[in-house]
C-alpha atoms as a PDB file:
ATOM      1  CA  UNK A   1      29.822  23.927   8.795  1.00  0.00           C
ATOM      2  CA  UNK A   2      31.108  21.400  10.344  1.00  0.00           C
ATOM      3  CA  UNK A   3      31.183  18.689   7.989  1.00  0.00           C
ATOM      4  CA  UNK A   4      29.712  17.063   4.832  1.00  0.00           C
ATOM      5  CA  UNK A   5      27.243  15.525   5.799  1.00  0.00           C
ATOM      6  CA  UNK A   6      23.316  16.004   6.516  1.00  0.00           C
ATOM      7  CA  UNK A   7      20.199  13.974   8.190  1.00  0.00           C
ATOM      8  CA  UNK A   8      17.177  16.056   7.035  1.00  0.00           C
ATOM      9  CA  UNK A   9      14.623  15.611   8.967  1.00  0.00           C
ATOM     10  CA  UNK A  10      10.948  15.958   8.376  1.00  0.00           C
ATOM     11  CA  UNK A  11       7.325  14.800  10.450  1.00  0.00           C
ATOM     12  CA  UNK A  12       5.558  13.755   7.280  1.00  0.00           C
ATOM     13  CA  UNK A  13       6.010  14.198   3.846  1.00  0.00           C
ATOM     14  CA  UNK A  14       3.292  14.756   1.373  1.00  0.00           C
ATOM     15  CA  UNK A  15       5.227  16.546  -2.289  1.00  0.00           C
ATOM     16  CA  UNK A  16       8.481  16.448  -0.643  1.00  0.00           C
ATOM     17  CA  UNK A  17       9.275  20.418  -1.080  1.00  0.00           C
ATOM     18  CA  UNK A  18       9.796  20.911   2.519  1.00  0.00           C
ATOM     19  CA  UNK A  19      12.898  18.488   1.689  1.00  0.00           C
ATOM     20  CA  UNK A  20      13.936  19.338  -1.587  1.00  0.00           C
ATOM     21  CA  UNK A  21      13.459  22.986  -1.206  1.00  0.00           C
ATOM     22  CA  UNK A  22      16.053  22.413   1.873  1.00  0.00           C
ATOM     23  CA  UNK A  23      17.908  20.291   0.045  1.00  0.00           C
ATOM     24  CA  UNK A  24      18.787  22.558  -2.804  1.00  0.00           C
ATOM     25  CA  UNK A  25      19.980  25.463  -0.179  1.00  0.00           C
ATOM     26  CA  UNK A  26      22.402  23.125   1.467  1.00  0.00           C
ATOM     27  CA  UNK A  27      23.647  22.290  -1.743  1.00  0.00           C
ATOM     28  CA  UNK A  28      23.849  25.488  -3.288  1.00  0.00           C
ATOM     29  CA  UNK A  29      26.544  26.483   0.025  1.00  0.00           C
ATOM     30  CA  UNK A  30      28.102  23.033  -0.660  1.00  0.00           C
ATOM     31  CA  UNK A  31      28.210  21.627  -3.261  1.00  0.00           C
ATOM     32  CA  UNK A  32      30.149  18.771  -2.335  1.00  0.00           C
ATOM     33  CA  UNK A  33      27.573  18.081   0.948  1.00  0.00           C
ATOM     34  CA  UNK A  34      25.712  14.508   1.389  1.00  0.00           C
ATOM     35  CA  UNK A  35      22.449  14.916   2.019  1.00  0.00           C
ATOM     36  CA  UNK A  36      20.274  12.514   3.231  1.00  0.00           C
ATOM     37  CA  UNK A  37      16.154  12.562   4.223  1.00  0.00           C
ATOM     38  CA  UNK A  38      14.301  10.702   7.087  1.00  0.00           C
ATOM     39  CA  UNK A  39      10.528  11.400   7.478  1.00  0.00           C
ATOM     40  CA  UNK A  40       8.322   9.447   9.719  1.00  0.00           C
ATOM     41  CA  UNK A  41       5.326   9.536   7.089  1.00  0.00           C
ATOM     42  CA  UNK A  42       4.336  10.155   3.637  1.00  0.00           C
ATOM     43  CA  UNK A  43       1.378  10.635   2.759  1.00  0.00           C
ATOM     44  CA  UNK A  44      -0.071  10.692  -1.438  1.00  0.00           C
ATOM     45  CA  UNK A  45      -1.507  13.384  -2.545  1.00  0.00           C
ATOM     46  CA  UNK A  46      -5.034  11.567  -2.835  1.00  0.00           C
ATOM     47  CA  UNK A  47      -4.882  10.960   1.230  1.00  0.00           C
ATOM     48  CA  UNK A  48      -4.334  14.109   1.607  1.00  0.00           C
ATOM     49  CA  UNK A  49      -7.373  15.441   1.142  1.00  0.00           C
ATOM     50  CA  UNK A  50      -9.156  12.270   2.965  1.00  0.00           C
ATOM     51  CA  UNK A  51      -6.946  13.622   5.758  1.00  0.00           C
ATOM     52  CA  UNK A  52      -8.223  17.456   5.713  1.00  0.00           C
ATOM     53  CA  UNK A  53     -11.662  15.975   6.027  1.00  0.00           C
ATOM     54  CA  UNK A  54     -10.629  13.260   8.489  1.00  0.00           C
ATOM     55  CA  UNK A  55      -9.634  16.586  10.842  1.00  0.00           C
ATOM     56  CA  UNK A  56     -12.188  19.458   9.796  1.00  0.00           C
ATOM     57  CA  UNK A  57     -14.409  19.777  12.708  1.00  0.00           C
ATOM     58  CA  UNK A  58     -18.090  19.075  12.043  1.00  0.00           C
ATOM     59  CA  UNK A  59     -21.740  18.628  14.076  1.00  0.00           C
ATOM     60  CA  UNK A  60     -23.833  14.904  12.902  1.00  0.00           C
ATOM     61  CA  UNK A  61     -25.967  13.234  14.560  1.00  0.00           C
ATOM     62  CA  UNK A  62     -25.420   9.576  13.746  1.00  0.00           C
ATOM     63  CA  UNK A  63     -28.044   6.372  14.749  1.00  0.00           C
ATOM     64  CA  UNK A  64     -27.662   3.219  13.591  1.00  0.00           C
ATOM     65  CA  UNK A  65     -30.073   2.057  10.449  1.00  0.00           C
ATOM     66  CA  UNK A  66     -33.165  -0.470  11.767  1.00  0.00           C
ATOM     67  CA  UNK A  67     -30.988  -3.456  11.234  1.00  0.00           C
ATOM     68  CA  UNK A  68     -28.589  -1.683  14.147  1.00  0.00           C
ATOM     69  CA  UNK A  69     -25.413  -2.855  11.622  1.00  0.00           C
ATOM     70  CA  UNK A  70     -24.856   0.201   9.557  1.00  0.00           C
ATOM     71  CA  UNK A  71     -24.014   4.073  11.032  1.00  0.00           C
ATOM     72  CA  UNK A  72     -26.437   6.706   9.694  1.00  0.00           C
ATOM     73  CA  UNK A  73     -25.381  10.405   9.654  1.00  0.00           C
ATOM     74  CA  UNK A  74     -26.914  13.631  10.013  1.00  0.00           C
ATOM     75  CA  UNK A  75     -25.336  16.691   9.994  1.00  0.00           C
ATOM     76  CA  UNK A  76     -26.633  19.176  12.334  1.00  0.00           C
ATOM     77  CA  UNK A  77     -28.082  22.623  10.780  1.00  0.00           C
ATOM     78  CA  UNK A  78     -26.626  25.749  12.030  1.00  0.00           C
ATOM     79  CA  UNK A  79     -24.024  23.967  14.216  1.00  0.00           C
END
């Protein structure tokens, strides 16, 4: 190892398991190491289900209500 300082970088942290696992492995090899972590975004557990739903493919017909103010979504069967 070149030095005693490491910066772990992750794109998105949900539970932190990836960063914790990487830090544990590094610490096991060098107990004196200084470990810092950076992530671009953090997502809570509740938001994770919302993200999965947003990314799930879907086919719908979208129209407006009679007043033209609210969307009406109708799933397309068999699509």
